[in-house]
Amino acid sequence: MHFSNDENKVVISDYYSEELGLLTQEHSVTLTQGDNKQYWLCIDESESTLPAIENFD
């Protein structure tokens, strides 16, 4: 999922891989402002306080 406004872009993504019996699942947020890019990994224990999209009118 991504959001953008002029030069600013936010990308929310998840990655899932199962190789050699090792399960990898990561959730990340990437913020791009012009030439500057910042990246964060989200831990599984994190919880959003935002309401679910289905609850939007």
Protein backbone atom coordinates (compact mmCIF):
# COMPACT_ATOMS: atom_id res chain seq x y z
CA MET A 1 0.00 0.00 0.00
CA HIS A 2 1.35 3.45 -0.73
CA PHE A 3 0.37 7.06 -0.25
CA SER A 4 1.92 10.01 -2.05
CA ASN A 5 1.70 13.78 -2.08
CA ASP A 6 4.03 15.74 -4.39
CA GLU A 7 7.59 14.57 -3.50
CA ASN A 8 6.48 12.72 -0.35
CA LYS A 9 5.70 8.99 -0.51
CA VAL A 10 4.83 6.47 2.22
CA VAL A 11 4.97 2.75 1.42
CA ILE A 12 3.60 0.12 3.80
CA SER A 13 4.60 -3.40 2.83
CA ASP A 14 4.95 -6.94 4.06
CA TYR A 15 7.37 -9.67 3.01
CA TYR A 16 6.87 -13.40 3.44
CA SER A 17 9.41 -16.10 2.58
CA GLU A 18 9.88 -19.72 3.49
CA GLU A 19 13.33 -21.03 2.54
CA LEU A 20 15.36 -23.91 3.92
CA GLY A 21 12.75 -24.47 6.65
CA LEU A 22 13.12 -20.87 7.87
CA LEU A 23 10.01 -18.69 7.89
CA THR A 24 10.57 -14.97 7.37
CA GLN A 25 7.74 -12.48 7.71
CA GLU A 26 8.46 -8.75 7.94
CA HIS A 27 6.32 -5.63 7.90
CA SER A 28 7.94 -2.32 6.99
CA VAL A 29 7.25 1.37 6.42
CA THR A 30 9.32 3.43 3.99
CA LEU A 31 9.11 7.24 3.89
CA THR A 32 10.57 9.04 0.87
CA GLN A 33 10.92 12.83 0.77
CA GLY A 34 12.72 13.97 -2.38
CA ASP A 35 16.10 12.18 -2.37
CA ASN A 36 15.85 11.23 1.35
CA LYS A 37 14.55 7.73 2.17
CA GLN A 38 13.92 6.30 5.67
CA TYR A 39 12.99 2.69 6.43
CA TRP A 40 11.51 1.06 9.55
CA LEU A 41 10.79 -2.58 10.35
CA CYS A 42 7.66 -3.20 12.45
CA ILE A 43 7.68 -5.83 15.17
CA ASP A 44 4.85 -8.37 15.32
CA GLU A 45 3.81 -7.24 18.80
CA SER A 46 2.96 -3.75 17.60
CA GLU A 47 -0.69 -2.80 17.51
CA SER A 48 -2.35 0.01 15.62
CA THR A 49 -4.76 2.32 17.41
CA LEU A 50 -6.31 3.31 14.06
CA PRO A 51 -9.78 1.91 13.32
CA ALA A 52 -10.12 -0.75 10.63
CA ILE A 53 -10.66 0.47 7.07
CA GLU A 54 -14.05 -1.28 7.03
CA ASN A 55 -15.25 1.12 9.74
CA PHE A 56 -14.72 4.21 7.55
CA ASP A 57 -17.86 5.83 6.16
